[in-house]
Amino acid sequence: MKNIAVKMAIEIAGSQTALAKKCGKAQSTVCDWLNGKKRISPEHVPALVEATKGKIPAYKFRPDLPELFPHPEQTV
């Protein structure tokens, strides 16, 4: 299953290679994130947010970690 947030980040960056460069990762890693072969490590989420100039918030990359990346509408 495709990771929609990563797909959108690739579109914003222009390519998997461009996104990888902005995040300091290999293109193959971005491909693995896209295709669900690897989970995005929490420490890489801020780089992805930065690479998209904040257009894709952190919680969209790792919605399974609300304690680290809370949804803005989430009540505490």
C-alpha atoms as a PDB file:
ATOM      1  CA  MET A   1       0.000   0.000   0.000  1.00  0.00           C
ATOM      2  CA  LYS A   2       1.348   3.405  -0.998  1.00  0.00           C
ATOM      3  CA  ASN A   3       2.132   5.972   1.679  1.00  0.00           C
ATOM      4  CA  ILE A   4       0.040   8.937   0.529  1.00  0.00           C
ATOM      5  CA  ALA A   5       2.048  11.502   2.540  1.00  0.00           C
ATOM      6  CA  VAL A   6       5.302  10.318   0.959  1.00  0.00           C
ATOM      7  CA  LYS A   7       3.664  10.322  -2.484  1.00  0.00           C
ATOM      8  CA  MET A   8       2.615  13.941  -1.965  1.00  0.00           C
ATOM      9  CA  ALA A   9       6.086  14.863  -0.660  1.00  0.00           C
ATOM     10  CA  ILE A  10       7.657  13.367  -3.802  1.00  0.00           C
ATOM     11  CA  GLU A  11       5.309  15.445  -5.955  1.00  0.00           C
ATOM     12  CA  ILE A  12       6.259  18.608  -4.030  1.00  0.00           C
ATOM     13  CA  ALA A  13      10.000  17.857  -4.226  1.00  0.00           C
ATOM     14  CA  GLY A  14       9.763  16.901  -7.907  1.00  0.00           C
ATOM     15  CA  SER A  15      11.078  13.335  -7.713  1.00  0.00           C
ATOM     16  CA  GLN A  16      12.101  10.575  -5.317  1.00  0.00           C
ATOM     17  CA  THR A  17      15.745  11.571  -5.836  1.00  0.00           C
ATOM     18  CA  ALA A  18      15.051  15.241  -5.045  1.00  0.00           C
ATOM     19  CA  LEU A  19      13.166  14.322  -1.878  1.00  0.00           C
ATOM     20  CA  ALA A  20      15.941  11.939  -0.840  1.00  0.00           C
ATOM     21  CA  LYS A  21      18.556  14.669  -1.250  1.00  0.00           C
ATOM     22  CA  LYS A  22      16.527  17.120   0.824  1.00  0.00           C
ATOM     23  CA  CYS A  23      16.221  14.514   3.587  1.00  0.00           C
ATOM     24  CA  GLY A  24      19.794  13.254   3.406  1.00  0.00           C
ATOM     25  CA  LYS A  25      18.623   9.757   2.513  1.00  0.00           C
ATOM     26  CA  ALA A  26      19.078   7.409  -0.444  1.00  0.00           C
ATOM     27  CA  GLN A  27      16.464   7.378  -3.219  1.00  0.00           C
ATOM     28  CA  SER A  28      15.917   3.681  -2.457  1.00  0.00           C
ATOM     29  CA  THR A  29      14.889   4.607   1.096  1.00  0.00           C
ATOM     30  CA  VAL A  30      12.296   7.064  -0.210  1.00  0.00           C
ATOM     31  CA  CYS A  31      11.032   4.331  -2.539  1.00  0.00           C
ATOM     32  CA  ASP A  32      10.750   1.927   0.414  1.00  0.00           C
ATOM     33  CA  TRP A  33       8.844   4.555   2.428  1.00  0.00           C
ATOM     34  CA  LEU A  34       6.517   5.143  -0.508  1.00  0.00           C
ATOM     35  CA  ASN A  35       5.761   1.467  -0.985  1.00  0.00           C
ATOM     36  CA  GLY A  36       5.462   0.622   2.712  1.00  0.00           C
ATOM     37  CA  LYS A  37       8.554  -1.579   2.762  1.00  0.00           C
ATOM     38  CA  LYS A  38      10.097   0.558   5.517  1.00  0.00           C
ATOM     39  CA  ARG A  39       8.503   2.734   8.146  1.00  0.00           C
ATOM     40  CA  ILE A  40       9.701   6.294   8.401  1.00  0.00           C
ATOM     41  CA  SER A  41      11.814   6.598  11.533  1.00  0.00           C
ATOM     42  CA  PRO A  42      10.510   9.361  13.799  1.00  0.00           C
ATOM     43  CA  GLU A  43      13.847  11.185  13.551  1.00  0.00           C
ATOM     44  CA  HIS A  44      13.361  11.556   9.769  1.00  0.00           C
ATOM     45  CA  VAL A  45       9.887  13.101   9.998  1.00  0.00           C
ATOM     46  CA  PRO A  46      11.113  16.691  10.620  1.00  0.00           C
ATOM     47  CA  ALA A  47      13.309  16.505   7.498  1.00  0.00           C
ATOM     48  CA  LEU A  48      10.307  15.400   5.442  1.00  0.00           C
ATOM     49  CA  VAL A  49       8.201  18.250   6.818  1.00  0.00           C
ATOM     50  CA  GLU A  50      11.031  20.673   6.003  1.00  0.00           C
ATOM     51  CA  ALA A  51      11.419  19.206   2.493  1.00  0.00           C
ATOM     52  CA  THR A  52       7.741  19.980   1.830  1.00  0.00           C
ATOM     53  CA  LYS A  53       8.070  23.470   3.364  1.00  0.00           C
ATOM     54  CA  GLY A  54       5.457  22.451   5.919  1.00  0.00           C
ATOM     55  CA  LYS A  55       2.804  21.606   3.322  1.00  0.00           C
ATOM     56  CA  ILE A  56       2.597  18.098   4.765  1.00  0.00           C
ATOM     57  CA  PRO A  57       2.511  18.081   8.576  1.00  0.00           C
ATOM     58  CA  ALA A  58       4.396  15.546  10.669  1.00  0.00           C
ATOM     59  CA  TYR A  59       1.320  13.625  11.800  1.00  0.00           C
ATOM     60  CA  LYS A  60       0.537  12.662   8.184  1.00  0.00           C
ATOM     61  CA  PHE A  61       3.883  10.879   7.821  1.00  0.00           C
ATOM     62  CA  ARG A  62       3.428   8.886  11.051  1.00  0.00           C
ATOM     63  CA  PRO A  63      -0.253   8.959  12.062  1.00  0.00           C
ATOM     64  CA  ASP A  64       0.429   5.887  14.212  1.00  0.00           C
ATOM     65  CA  LEU A  65       2.498   8.014  16.625  1.00  0.00           C
ATOM     66  CA  PRO A  66       0.035  10.621  17.936  1.00  0.00           C
ATOM     67  CA  GLU A  67       2.050  11.082  21.126  1.00  0.00           C
ATOM     68  CA  LEU A  68       5.031  12.299  19.042  1.00  0.00           C
ATOM     69  CA  PHE A  69       3.165  13.920  16.147  1.00  0.00           C
ATOM     70  CA  PRO A  70      -0.278  14.962  17.407  1.00  0.00           C
ATOM     71  CA  HIS A  71      -3.045  15.816  15.008  1.00  0.00           C
ATOM     72  CA  PRO A  72      -3.945  19.505  15.457  1.00  0.00           C
ATOM     73  CA  GLU A  73      -7.594  18.606  16.060  1.00  0.00           C
ATOM     74  CA  GLN A  74      -6.702  15.927  18.604  1.00  0.00           C
ATOM     75  CA  THR A  75      -7.931  16.703  22.116  1.00  0.00           C
ATOM     76  CA  VAL A  76      -5.490  16.164  24.945  1.00  0.00           C
END
